[in-house]
Amino acid sequence: MGDGLLPHTFMADFIVRDLSRIDEMQKVVRIESIARPLSASALSLSRMQEALAKGEHDIIDLFLRTWNESAMRDARPAFATLKSAVAAEIGEADWPERLRDRLGLAHYDAGAGPEPIALMEYRVEELIEAARHVGAACAVTAPSVLDSGPWPYFFPAPMELDCGRAMARFEIDSDEDLVVELLHVRLTYRREHIAMLGEIRIPPHALALARLRNHHLMALRLASGRYDFGEETPEYGLATA
């Protein structure tokens, strides 16, 4: 982490690819677990859903104030994607599980019970303004090897691609199945950023991680034309998860 609210990721010397110049009106979406802010606000998911449906601004503002001002929302770079890249998943009744699997959010496994989540939505121009406020060199960038600790579902993309690509929680068949992965600066959430609320209830299917990573690697090579990129994982190298 850099000084104050500026992570190293958004400092000029560390930026891998500056994606802030993409269409400022592009819509970005991010999945957030809201179990902790709900508890801290003494609210249930159903009560928040009701408040959102009825436009009860006092309830929504209490929740957002509690969430935004707490340590639950720090300045770490936020992983997100373009709304257009996951429009099909968002339109389905089981969108929480579909987005979990499409974006490789394996830590939302519902193992300890249903996981309440929010689909947050905002425009690139809002991220640019947030970056300007904290003195960041850019608002949106691509994830690099420095942006995550050891995590089997994190897979940086080659420089030949314009941005990152999320590793899905299922075996993909071609580079056309890859989904954009972005990193952006912290954004203070407002009412209009809450697009949908839901719950992840179904655990992901057990799959061989080595096969998932090898399928993703193949797709990255096809998409970038870099057939020497990365190294395949031995099928016995990672356990089933």
Protein backbone atom coordinates (compact mmCIF):
# COMPACT_ATOMS: atom_id res chain seq x y z
CA MET A 1 0.00 0.00 0.00
CA GLY A 2 1.24 3.48 -0.79
CA ASP A 3 0.76 6.62 1.26
CA GLY A 4 -2.73 7.44 2.52
CA LEU A 5 -5.48 6.06 0.30
CA LEU A 6 -3.28 5.39 -2.74
CA PRO A 7 -2.15 1.79 -3.30
CA HIS A 8 1.06 1.23 -5.22
CA THR A 9 -1.01 -0.29 -8.05
CA PHE A 10 -2.16 3.20 -9.09
CA MET A 11 1.19 4.95 -8.78
CA ALA A 12 2.90 5.87 -12.06
CA ASP A 13 5.90 3.58 -11.51
CA PHE A 14 3.73 0.51 -10.97
CA ILE A 15 0.99 0.83 -13.59
CA VAL A 16 0.96 -2.10 -15.99
CA ARG A 17 -1.72 -0.86 -18.40
CA ASP A 18 -3.62 2.40 -18.02
CA LEU A 19 -7.21 1.60 -18.95
CA SER A 20 -8.65 4.94 -17.85
CA ARG A 21 -8.96 6.01 -21.48
CA ILE A 22 -11.70 3.53 -22.28
CA ASP A 23 -15.13 5.05 -22.88
CA GLU A 24 -15.90 7.08 -19.76
CA MET A 25 -19.56 6.11 -19.97
CA GLN A 26 -18.78 2.40 -19.89
CA LYS A 27 -20.50 0.68 -16.97
CA VAL A 28 -18.36 -1.29 -14.54
CA VAL A 29 -19.76 -3.91 -12.15
CA ARG A 30 -18.37 -5.52 -9.03
CA ILE A 31 -19.66 -8.22 -6.66
CA GLU A 32 -19.43 -7.34 -2.98
CA SER A 33 -20.17 -9.50 0.05
CA ILE A 34 -22.42 -7.45 2.32
CA ALA A 35 -22.70 -9.81 5.30
CA ARG A 36 -20.56 -7.61 7.56
CA PRO A 37 -22.06 -4.21 6.69
CA LEU A 38 -25.57 -5.66 7.05
CA SER A 39 -24.70 -6.95 10.51
CA ALA A 40 -23.04 -3.66 11.49
CA SER A 41 -26.16 -1.79 10.36
CA ALA A 42 -28.49 -4.20 12.20
CA LEU A 43 -30.21 -5.00 8.90
CA SER A 44 -31.16 -8.24 7.18
CA LEU A 45 -30.80 -8.86 3.47
CA SER A 46 -34.58 -9.00 3.08
CA ARG A 47 -34.95 -5.64 4.84
CA MET A 48 -32.36 -4.08 2.54
CA GLN A 49 -34.08 -5.56 -0.51
CA GLU A 50 -37.36 -4.08 0.69
CA ALA A 51 -35.74 -0.69 1.28
CA LEU A 52 -34.22 -0.75 -2.20
CA ALA A 53 -37.54 -1.72 -3.81
CA LYS A 54 -39.48 0.98 -1.93
CA GLY A 55 -36.82 3.68 -2.24
CA GLU A 56 -36.41 4.03 1.53
CA HIS A 57 -33.43 6.36 1.36
CA ASP A 58 -32.93 6.61 5.11
CA ILE A 59 -32.37 2.86 5.42
CA ILE A 60 -30.14 2.69 2.34
CA ASP A 61 -28.11 5.70 3.49
CA LEU A 62 -27.60 4.20 6.95
CA PHE A 63 -26.29 1.01 5.38
CA LEU A 64 -23.97 2.85 2.96
CA ARG A 65 -22.67 5.22 5.62
CA THR A 66 -21.84 2.32 7.92
CA TRP A 67 -20.17 0.44 5.08
CA ASN A 68 -18.25 3.31 3.49
CA GLU A 69 -16.90 4.72 6.75
CA SER A 70 -15.76 1.44 8.29
CA ALA A 71 -12.58 -0.61 7.93
CA MET A 72 -14.66 -3.07 5.89
CA ARG A 73 -13.96 -0.88 2.85
CA ASP A 74 -10.27 -0.08 2.68
CA ALA A 75 -8.25 1.34 -0.21
CA ARG A 76 -7.13 -1.92 -1.77
CA PRO A 77 -7.53 -2.11 -5.58
CA ALA A 78 -11.00 -3.40 -6.46
CA PHE A 79 -11.44 -6.25 -8.94
CA ALA A 80 -14.30 -5.62 -11.36
CA THR A 81 -15.49 -6.23 -14.91
CA LEU A 82 -17.47 -4.44 -17.60
CA LYS A 83 -21.23 -4.83 -17.34
CA SER A 84 -21.43 -5.66 -21.03
CA ALA A 85 -19.15 -8.68 -20.46
CA VAL A 86 -21.53 -10.33 -17.99
CA ALA A 87 -24.91 -9.07 -19.22
CA ALA A 88 -26.12 -12.63 -19.88
CA GLU A 89 -25.36 -13.75 -16.33
CA ILE A 90 -26.95 -10.64 -14.78
CA GLY A 91 -30.18 -11.36 -16.64
CA GLU A 92 -30.67 -14.81 -15.09
CA ALA A 93 -32.63 -15.62 -11.93
CA ASP A 94 -29.61 -17.37 -10.43
CA TRP A 95 -27.28 -14.44 -11.23
CA PRO A 96 -25.40 -14.61 -7.89
CA GLU A 97 -24.06 -18.11 -8.57
CA ARG A 98 -23.56 -17.45 -12.28
CA LEU A 99 -21.46 -14.35 -11.62
CA ARG A 100 -19.54 -16.13 -8.86
CA ASP A 101 -18.57 -18.87 -11.28
CA ARG A 102 -17.97 -16.61 -14.30
CA LEU A 103 -15.66 -14.28 -12.35
CA GLY A 104 -13.84 -17.02 -10.43
CA LEU A 105 -15.00 -15.83 -7.01
CA ALA A 106 -14.42 -19.23 -5.44
CA HIS A 107 -14.17 -17.79 -1.91
CA TYR A 108 -17.93 -17.21 -2.06
CA ASP A 109 -18.61 -20.91 -1.65
CA ALA A 110 -21.69 -20.75 0.62
CA GLY A 111 -19.98 -23.36 2.79
CA ALA A 112 -20.99 -21.62 6.01
CA GLY A 113 -24.44 -20.73 4.73
CA PRO A 114 -25.91 -18.28 2.20
CA GLU A 115 -23.65 -15.34 1.30
CA PRO A 116 -25.51 -12.02 0.85
CA ILE A 117 -24.04 -10.02 -2.01
CA ALA A 118 -24.56 -6.76 -3.84
CA LEU A 119 -23.99 -6.14 -7.51
CA MET A 120 -22.49 -2.66 -7.61
CA GLU A 121 -22.61 -0.66 -10.85
CA TYR A 122 -20.95 2.64 -11.82
CA ARG A 123 -19.35 4.42 -14.77
CA VAL A 124 -15.67 4.76 -15.66
CA GLU A 125 -15.97 8.54 -15.37
CA GLU A 126 -16.80 8.15 -11.67
CA LEU A 127 -13.63 6.12 -11.15
CA ILE A 128 -11.59 8.78 -12.95
CA GLU A 129 -12.93 11.42 -10.57
CA ALA A 130 -12.18 9.20 -7.55
CA ALA A 131 -8.61 8.70 -8.84
CA ARG A 132 -8.16 12.44 -9.27
CA HIS A 133 -9.28 12.97 -5.67
CA VAL A 134 -6.53 10.72 -4.22
CA GLY A 135 -3.84 11.73 -6.72
CA ALA A 136 -3.70 8.37 -8.53
CA ALA A 137 -1.82 8.19 -11.83
CA CYS A 138 -4.71 6.23 -13.33
CA ALA A 139 -8.18 5.07 -12.31
CA VAL A 140 -8.38 1.68 -14.01
CA THR A 141 -5.62 -0.79 -14.79
CA ALA A 142 -5.01 -4.47 -15.49
CA PRO A 143 -4.09 -6.88 -12.68
CA SER A 144 -0.45 -7.93 -12.51
CA VAL A 145 1.42 -10.59 -10.54
CA LEU A 146 1.88 -8.00 -7.76
CA ASP A 147 -1.86 -7.60 -7.19
CA SER A 148 -2.64 -10.89 -5.47
CA GLY A 149 -1.03 -13.34 -3.12
CA PRO A 150 -1.02 -17.08 -3.88
CA TRP A 151 -4.57 -17.81 -5.05
CA PRO A 152 -5.37 -20.53 -7.62
CA TYR A 153 -8.11 -18.45 -9.28
CA PHE A 154 -5.89 -15.45 -9.97
CA PHE A 155 -4.23 -15.54 -13.40
CA PRO A 156 -2.65 -12.36 -14.85
CA ALA A 157 -3.03 -11.92 -18.60
CA PRO A 158 -0.17 -11.30 -21.06
CA MET A 159 0.70 -7.72 -21.99
CA GLU A 160 -0.56 -8.30 -25.53
CA LEU A 161 -4.13 -8.18 -24.19
CA ASP A 162 -5.66 -4.80 -23.47
CA CYS A 163 -6.78 -5.81 -19.96
CA GLY A 164 -6.95 -8.76 -17.58
CA ARG A 165 -9.11 -11.84 -18.02
CA ALA A 166 -10.94 -13.43 -15.07
CA MET A 167 -10.42 -17.17 -14.58
CA ALA A 168 -13.85 -18.77 -14.58
CA ARG A 169 -14.97 -21.39 -12.09
CA PHE A 170 -15.68 -23.78 -14.98
CA GLU A 171 -13.70 -25.09 -17.94
CA ILE A 172 -13.89 -22.68 -20.86
CA ASP A 173 -13.75 -23.87 -24.46
CA SER A 174 -12.14 -20.96 -26.30
CA ASP A 175 -10.75 -17.45 -25.99
CA GLU A 176 -14.24 -16.15 -26.78
CA ASP A 177 -15.29 -17.31 -23.30
CA LEU A 178 -12.80 -15.05 -21.54
CA VAL A 179 -14.24 -12.18 -19.47
CA VAL A 180 -12.61 -8.79 -18.88
CA GLU A 181 -10.96 -8.28 -15.49
CA LEU A 182 -10.11 -4.79 -14.25
CA LEU A 183 -8.60 -3.18 -11.17
CA HIS A 184 -9.83 0.24 -10.11
CA VAL A 185 -9.38 2.75 -7.31
CA ARG A 186 -11.69 2.80 -4.31
CA LEU A 187 -15.07 4.35 -5.00
CA THR A 188 -17.31 5.70 -2.23
CA TYR A 189 -20.62 3.96 -2.86
CA ARG A 190 -23.87 5.86 -3.31
CA ARG A 191 -27.49 4.68 -3.54
CA GLU A 192 -27.49 4.53 -7.32
CA HIS A 193 -24.50 2.18 -7.30
CA ILE A 194 -26.55 -0.68 -5.81
CA ALA A 195 -27.84 -2.45 -8.92
CA MET A 196 -29.12 -5.66 -7.32
CA LEU A 197 -29.04 -7.56 -4.04
CA GLY A 198 -29.02 -11.34 -3.77
CA GLU A 199 -27.64 -14.42 -2.10
CA ILE A 200 -25.16 -17.08 -3.12
CA ARG A 201 -26.76 -20.28 -1.86
CA ILE A 202 -25.30 -23.10 -3.95
CA PRO A 203 -21.66 -24.19 -3.49
CA PRO A 204 -19.57 -24.36 -6.69
CA HIS A 205 -19.08 -27.74 -8.34
CA ALA A 206 -15.93 -29.62 -7.37
CA LEU A 207 -13.46 -29.30 -10.26
CA ALA A 208 -9.79 -30.05 -10.82
CA LEU A 209 -7.94 -26.76 -10.42
CA ALA A 210 -5.11 -27.85 -12.68
CA ARG A 211 -7.54 -28.45 -15.54
CA LEU A 212 -9.25 -25.08 -14.94
CA ARG A 213 -5.93 -23.25 -15.02
CA ASN A 214 -4.72 -25.10 -18.11
CA HIS A 215 -7.95 -24.35 -20.00
CA HIS A 216 -7.66 -20.69 -19.01
CA LEU A 217 -4.00 -20.59 -20.07
CA MET A 218 -4.87 -22.07 -23.46
CA ALA A 219 -7.54 -19.38 -23.97
CA LEU A 220 -5.11 -16.61 -22.97
CA ARG A 221 -2.55 -17.88 -25.47
CA LEU A 222 -5.16 -17.96 -28.24
CA ALA A 223 -6.48 -14.49 -27.41
CA SER A 224 -3.03 -12.88 -27.24
CA GLY A 225 -1.15 -14.87 -29.86
CA ARG A 226 1.49 -15.50 -27.19
CA TYR A 227 1.84 -19.28 -27.38
CA ASP A 228 4.88 -19.20 -25.11
CA PHE A 229 2.99 -17.40 -22.33
CA GLY A 230 2.90 -19.10 -18.94
CA GLU A 231 3.40 -22.73 -18.10
CA GLU A 232 0.91 -25.56 -17.91
CA THR A 233 0.13 -27.00 -14.49
CA PRO A 234 0.64 -30.77 -14.09
CA GLU A 235 -2.78 -32.41 -13.69
CA TYR A 236 -1.62 -33.76 -10.33
CA GLY A 237 -0.26 -30.37 -9.24
CA LEU A 238 -3.40 -28.81 -7.76
CA ALA A 239 -6.11 -30.54 -5.79
CA THR A 240 -9.78 -30.60 -6.63
CA ALA A 241 -11.72 -27.70 -5.11
